[in-house]
N, C-alpha and C. Protein backbone atom coordinates (compact mmCIF):
# COMPACT_ATOMS: atom_id res chain seq x y z
N UNK A 1 -38.82 -38.32 -42.50
CA UNK A 1 -37.66 -38.81 -43.19
C UNK A 1 -36.46 -38.65 -42.28
N UNK A 2 -35.63 -39.67 -42.26
CA UNK A 2 -34.45 -39.66 -41.40
C UNK A 2 -33.22 -39.49 -42.27
N UNK A 3 -32.29 -38.71 -41.76
CA UNK A 3 -31.03 -38.54 -42.47
C UNK A 3 -29.97 -39.37 -41.78
N UNK A 4 -29.10 -39.91 -42.54
CA UNK A 4 -28.03 -40.70 -41.92
C UNK A 4 -27.18 -39.81 -41.00
N UNK A 5 -26.63 -40.40 -40.00
CA UNK A 5 -25.82 -39.70 -39.01
C UNK A 5 -24.62 -39.01 -39.65
N UNK A 6 -24.01 -39.61 -40.60
CA UNK A 6 -22.83 -39.02 -41.23
C UNK A 6 -23.19 -37.75 -42.00
N UNK A 7 -24.37 -37.75 -42.64
CA UNK A 7 -24.79 -36.55 -43.37
C UNK A 7 -25.08 -35.42 -42.39
N UNK A 8 -25.73 -35.72 -41.29
CA UNK A 8 -26.04 -34.72 -40.27
C UNK A 8 -24.75 -34.17 -39.66
N UNK A 9 -23.81 -35.03 -39.37
CA UNK A 9 -22.53 -34.60 -38.81
C UNK A 9 -21.77 -33.73 -39.80
N UNK A 10 -21.79 -34.10 -41.07
CA UNK A 10 -21.09 -33.32 -42.09
C UNK A 10 -21.71 -31.93 -42.22
N UNK A 11 -23.05 -31.86 -42.20
CA UNK A 11 -23.72 -30.56 -42.27
C UNK A 11 -23.40 -29.71 -41.05
N UNK A 12 -23.36 -30.35 -39.90
CA UNK A 12 -23.02 -29.63 -38.67
C UNK A 12 -21.61 -29.08 -38.71
N UNK A 13 -20.67 -29.87 -39.19
CA UNK A 13 -19.28 -29.41 -39.30
C UNK A 13 -19.15 -28.27 -40.30
N UNK A 14 -19.87 -28.39 -41.42
CA UNK A 14 -19.80 -27.34 -42.44
C UNK A 14 -20.38 -26.04 -41.89
N UNK A 15 -21.50 -26.13 -41.19
CA UNK A 15 -22.09 -24.95 -40.60
C UNK A 15 -21.17 -24.34 -39.55
N UNK A 16 -20.57 -25.16 -38.73
CA UNK A 16 -19.65 -24.68 -37.70
C UNK A 16 -18.45 -23.98 -38.33
N UNK A 17 -17.92 -24.57 -39.39
CA UNK A 17 -16.75 -23.98 -40.05
C UNK A 17 -17.10 -22.64 -40.68
N UNK A 18 -18.34 -22.50 -41.12
CA UNK A 18 -18.75 -21.25 -41.75
C UNK A 18 -19.06 -20.17 -40.73
N UNK A 19 -19.62 -20.53 -39.58
CA UNK A 19 -20.08 -19.55 -38.60
C UNK A 19 -19.03 -19.23 -37.55
N UNK A 20 -18.35 -20.20 -37.00
CA UNK A 20 -17.44 -19.99 -35.88
C UNK A 20 -16.30 -19.01 -36.13
N UNK A 21 -15.67 -19.00 -37.30
CA UNK A 21 -14.60 -18.02 -37.47
C UNK A 21 -15.09 -16.59 -37.30
N UNK A 22 -16.33 -16.33 -37.66
CA UNK A 22 -16.87 -14.98 -37.52
C UNK A 22 -17.24 -14.68 -36.08
N UNK A 23 -17.61 -15.70 -35.34
CA UNK A 23 -17.99 -15.50 -33.94
C UNK A 23 -16.76 -15.32 -33.08
N UNK A 24 -15.72 -16.11 -33.30
CA UNK A 24 -14.55 -16.05 -32.44
C UNK A 24 -13.58 -14.95 -32.83
N UNK A 25 -13.62 -14.49 -34.06
CA UNK A 25 -12.71 -13.41 -34.46
C UNK A 25 -13.18 -12.13 -33.79
N UNK A 26 -12.35 -11.60 -32.90
CA UNK A 26 -12.77 -10.40 -32.18
C UNK A 26 -12.22 -9.16 -32.87
N UNK A 27 -13.02 -8.13 -32.83
CA UNK A 27 -12.60 -6.86 -33.39
C UNK A 27 -11.56 -6.25 -32.46
N UNK A 28 -10.66 -5.46 -33.00
CA UNK A 28 -9.66 -4.83 -32.13
C UNK A 28 -10.37 -3.91 -31.12
N UNK A 29 -9.83 -3.88 -29.93
CA UNK A 29 -10.39 -3.06 -28.87
C UNK A 29 -10.17 -1.58 -29.22
N UNK A 30 -11.22 -0.78 -29.22
CA UNK A 30 -11.04 0.63 -29.55
C UNK A 30 -10.27 1.36 -28.45
N UNK A 31 -9.57 2.39 -28.84
CA UNK A 31 -8.83 3.20 -27.88
C UNK A 31 -9.83 3.97 -27.02
N UNK A 32 -9.56 4.10 -25.73
CA UNK A 32 -10.46 4.92 -24.90
C UNK A 32 -10.26 6.40 -25.23
N UNK A 33 -11.23 7.24 -24.88
CA UNK A 33 -11.06 8.67 -25.10
C UNK A 33 -9.84 9.20 -24.37
N UNK A 34 -9.24 10.24 -24.90
CA UNK A 34 -8.01 10.80 -24.32
C UNK A 34 -8.22 11.29 -22.89
N UNK A 35 -9.43 11.71 -22.55
CA UNK A 35 -9.67 12.24 -21.21
C UNK A 35 -10.10 11.17 -20.20
N UNK A 36 -9.84 9.90 -20.52
CA UNK A 36 -10.15 8.82 -19.61
C UNK A 36 -9.14 8.82 -18.45
N UNK A 37 -9.64 8.83 -17.23
CA UNK A 37 -8.78 8.81 -16.05
C UNK A 37 -8.21 7.41 -15.90
N UNK A 38 -6.87 7.30 -15.83
CA UNK A 38 -6.24 6.00 -15.67
C UNK A 38 -5.68 5.78 -14.26
N UNK A 39 -5.38 6.86 -13.56
CA UNK A 39 -4.94 6.69 -12.17
C UNK A 39 -5.15 7.98 -11.39
N UNK A 40 -5.39 7.80 -10.11
CA UNK A 40 -5.49 8.91 -9.17
C UNK A 40 -4.64 8.52 -7.98
N UNK A 41 -3.72 9.38 -7.61
CA UNK A 41 -2.88 9.12 -6.45
C UNK A 41 -2.96 10.30 -5.49
N UNK A 42 -2.50 10.10 -4.29
CA UNK A 42 -2.48 11.17 -3.31
C UNK A 42 -3.70 11.15 -2.42
N UNK A 43 -3.85 12.25 -1.68
CA UNK A 43 -5.00 12.42 -0.81
C UNK A 43 -5.34 13.90 -0.71
N UNK A 44 -6.45 14.20 -0.05
CA UNK A 44 -6.92 15.58 0.00
C UNK A 44 -5.96 16.48 0.77
N UNK A 45 -5.36 15.94 1.82
CA UNK A 45 -4.47 16.75 2.65
C UNK A 45 -3.19 17.15 1.92
N UNK A 46 -2.62 16.23 1.17
CA UNK A 46 -1.35 16.48 0.48
C UNK A 46 -1.52 16.79 -1.00
N UNK A 47 -2.70 16.63 -1.51
CA UNK A 47 -2.97 16.91 -2.92
C UNK A 47 -3.08 15.63 -3.73
N UNK A 48 -3.97 15.66 -4.70
CA UNK A 48 -4.17 14.54 -5.59
C UNK A 48 -3.42 14.75 -6.90
N UNK A 49 -3.13 13.66 -7.58
CA UNK A 49 -2.60 13.68 -8.95
C UNK A 49 -3.55 12.86 -9.79
N UNK A 50 -4.08 13.45 -10.86
CA UNK A 50 -5.02 12.77 -11.73
C UNK A 50 -4.33 12.57 -13.07
N UNK A 51 -4.16 11.32 -13.50
CA UNK A 51 -3.48 11.01 -14.75
C UNK A 51 -4.49 10.49 -15.77
N UNK A 52 -4.36 10.99 -17.00
CA UNK A 52 -5.29 10.64 -18.07
C UNK A 52 -4.64 9.72 -19.09
N UNK A 53 -5.47 9.08 -19.91
CA UNK A 53 -4.99 8.12 -20.91
C UNK A 53 -4.02 8.76 -21.90
N UNK A 54 -4.22 10.02 -22.25
CA UNK A 54 -3.37 10.68 -23.24
C UNK A 54 -2.02 11.11 -22.66
N UNK A 55 -1.77 10.82 -21.38
CA UNK A 55 -0.49 11.15 -20.76
C UNK A 55 -0.51 12.46 -19.99
N UNK A 56 -1.57 13.23 -20.11
CA UNK A 56 -1.63 14.49 -19.37
C UNK A 56 -1.99 14.21 -17.91
N UNK A 57 -1.80 15.22 -17.10
CA UNK A 57 -2.08 15.08 -15.67
C UNK A 57 -2.65 16.38 -15.14
N UNK A 58 -3.36 16.26 -14.04
CA UNK A 58 -3.95 17.42 -13.38
C UNK A 58 -3.62 17.32 -11.90
N UNK A 59 -3.30 18.46 -11.31
CA UNK A 59 -2.92 18.49 -9.90
C UNK A 59 -3.79 19.52 -9.17
N UNK A 60 -4.97 19.11 -8.71
CA UNK A 60 -5.82 20.07 -8.00
C UNK A 60 -5.18 20.50 -6.69
N UNK A 61 -5.58 21.67 -6.19
CA UNK A 61 -5.00 22.13 -4.91
C UNK A 61 -5.39 21.21 -3.77
N UNK A 62 -4.66 21.32 -2.68
CA UNK A 62 -5.02 20.54 -1.50
C UNK A 62 -6.36 21.03 -0.97
N UNK A 63 -6.97 20.26 -0.09
CA UNK A 63 -8.27 20.66 0.44
C UNK A 63 -8.17 21.96 1.23
N UNK A 64 -7.10 22.17 1.97
CA UNK A 64 -6.98 23.41 2.75
C UNK A 64 -6.83 24.62 1.83
N UNK A 65 -6.10 24.48 0.72
CA UNK A 65 -5.98 25.58 -0.24
C UNK A 65 -7.32 25.88 -0.90
N UNK A 66 -8.03 24.83 -1.27
CA UNK A 66 -9.33 25.02 -1.91
C UNK A 66 -10.33 25.64 -0.95
N UNK A 67 -10.32 25.18 0.30
CA UNK A 67 -11.24 25.76 1.28
C UNK A 67 -10.88 27.21 1.60
N UNK A 68 -9.59 27.55 1.59
CA UNK A 68 -9.18 28.93 1.81
C UNK A 68 -9.70 29.84 0.70
N UNK A 69 -9.71 29.33 -0.53
CA UNK A 69 -10.24 30.12 -1.64
C UNK A 69 -11.74 30.34 -1.48
N UNK A 70 -12.42 29.41 -0.83
CA UNK A 70 -13.86 29.58 -0.60
C UNK A 70 -14.14 30.79 0.28
N UNK A 71 -13.21 31.10 1.16
CA UNK A 71 -13.39 32.25 2.05
C UNK A 71 -13.38 33.58 1.32
N UNK A 72 -12.98 33.60 0.07
CA UNK A 72 -12.92 34.84 -0.69
C UNK A 72 -14.27 35.22 -1.32
N UNK A 73 -15.27 34.35 -1.22
CA UNK A 73 -16.59 34.70 -1.76
C UNK A 73 -17.26 35.74 -0.88
N UNK A 74 -18.12 36.55 -1.47
CA UNK A 74 -18.74 37.67 -0.76
C UNK A 74 -19.83 37.25 0.21
N UNK A 75 -20.71 36.36 -0.21
CA UNK A 75 -21.83 36.02 0.67
C UNK A 75 -21.59 34.69 1.36
N UNK A 76 -22.29 34.54 2.49
CA UNK A 76 -22.17 33.30 3.27
C UNK A 76 -22.64 32.10 2.45
N UNK A 77 -23.72 32.27 1.71
CA UNK A 77 -24.25 31.17 0.90
C UNK A 77 -23.23 30.71 -0.13
N UNK A 78 -22.54 31.64 -0.76
CA UNK A 78 -21.50 31.27 -1.75
C UNK A 78 -20.35 30.53 -1.08
N UNK A 79 -19.97 30.98 0.13
CA UNK A 79 -18.87 30.31 0.84
C UNK A 79 -19.26 28.90 1.24
N UNK A 80 -20.49 28.73 1.74
CA UNK A 80 -20.95 27.39 2.13
C UNK A 80 -21.04 26.49 0.90
N UNK A 81 -21.59 27.00 -0.19
CA UNK A 81 -21.69 26.21 -1.42
C UNK A 81 -20.30 25.77 -1.89
N UNK A 82 -19.35 26.66 -1.84
CA UNK A 82 -17.99 26.34 -2.26
C UNK A 82 -17.39 25.26 -1.37
N UNK A 83 -17.57 25.37 -0.05
CA UNK A 83 -17.02 24.37 0.86
C UNK A 83 -17.64 22.99 0.64
N UNK A 84 -18.94 22.96 0.38
CA UNK A 84 -19.61 21.69 0.10
C UNK A 84 -19.08 21.09 -1.19
N UNK A 85 -18.89 21.92 -2.22
CA UNK A 85 -18.35 21.42 -3.50
C UNK A 85 -16.94 20.88 -3.33
N UNK A 86 -16.12 21.57 -2.53
CA UNK A 86 -14.74 21.11 -2.30
C UNK A 86 -14.74 19.77 -1.58
N UNK A 87 -15.54 19.66 -0.52
CA UNK A 87 -15.60 18.39 0.22
C UNK A 87 -16.10 17.25 -0.66
N UNK A 88 -17.11 17.54 -1.46
CA UNK A 88 -17.66 16.52 -2.37
C UNK A 88 -16.63 16.12 -3.40
N UNK A 89 -15.92 17.08 -3.97
CA UNK A 89 -14.90 16.82 -4.98
C UNK A 89 -13.80 15.92 -4.42
N UNK A 90 -13.31 16.23 -3.25
CA UNK A 90 -12.23 15.43 -2.68
C UNK A 90 -12.70 14.07 -2.20
N UNK A 91 -13.92 13.98 -1.70
CA UNK A 91 -14.49 12.68 -1.34
C UNK A 91 -14.61 11.79 -2.58
N UNK A 92 -15.09 12.38 -3.69
CA UNK A 92 -15.24 11.62 -4.93
C UNK A 92 -13.89 11.23 -5.52
N UNK A 93 -12.89 12.09 -5.40
CA UNK A 93 -11.55 11.73 -5.87
C UNK A 93 -10.99 10.54 -5.09
N UNK A 94 -11.20 10.53 -3.78
CA UNK A 94 -10.73 9.40 -2.97
C UNK A 94 -11.46 8.12 -3.36
N UNK A 95 -12.76 8.23 -3.63
CA UNK A 95 -13.53 7.06 -4.06
C UNK A 95 -13.04 6.56 -5.40
N UNK A 96 -12.79 7.48 -6.33
CA UNK A 96 -12.27 7.10 -7.65
C UNK A 96 -10.90 6.45 -7.53
N UNK A 97 -10.04 7.01 -6.69
CA UNK A 97 -8.71 6.43 -6.47
C UNK A 97 -8.82 5.00 -5.97
N UNK A 98 -9.69 4.77 -4.98
CA UNK A 98 -9.85 3.43 -4.43
C UNK A 98 -10.43 2.46 -5.47
N UNK A 99 -11.38 2.94 -6.27
CA UNK A 99 -11.98 2.09 -7.31
C UNK A 99 -10.96 1.71 -8.37
N UNK A 100 -10.13 2.66 -8.78
CA UNK A 100 -9.10 2.35 -9.78
C UNK A 100 -8.06 1.38 -9.23
N UNK A 101 -7.67 1.56 -7.97
CA UNK A 101 -6.73 0.62 -7.36
C UNK A 101 -7.32 -0.79 -7.32
N UNK A 102 -8.59 -0.90 -6.96
CA UNK A 102 -9.25 -2.19 -6.91
C UNK A 102 -9.33 -2.81 -8.30
N UNK A 103 -9.68 -1.99 -9.30
CA UNK A 103 -9.81 -2.51 -10.67
C UNK A 103 -8.46 -2.99 -11.21
N UNK A 104 -7.41 -2.23 -10.94
CA UNK A 104 -6.09 -2.64 -11.42
C UNK A 104 -5.60 -3.89 -10.68
N UNK A 105 -5.91 -4.00 -9.40
CA UNK A 105 -5.49 -5.17 -8.63
C UNK A 105 -6.23 -6.43 -9.05
N UNK A 106 -7.48 -6.29 -9.44
CA UNK A 106 -8.27 -7.48 -9.81
C UNK A 106 -7.94 -7.97 -11.21
N UNK A 107 -7.17 -7.22 -11.99
CA UNK A 107 -6.77 -7.66 -13.33
C UNK A 107 -5.83 -8.85 -13.28
N UNK A 108 -5.01 -8.89 -12.31
CA UNK A 108 -4.10 -10.01 -12.32
C UNK A 108 -3.06 -9.85 -11.34
């Protein structure tokens, strides 16, 4: 059985009118968690600044200050572990800083 073109078009329009408003209506974007990092500035030598979505900030010590604190551990293994953690932390902060700069620049 064939349906006339006008009936098919009318059914298609009715279906579109019923479905499309629900598809195109977007839910409001949820707020990110308060501890979401929004920017990282600085460098390991002069110190980093870490800014969070809730407006708070963190200022870790410079790499030389952090490495000097590693010297206060009693055993060699603890000192080496601390130095590796400090280097890894500052390397990752620099990577995060670069990624955030790239993400903000690609927005527009």
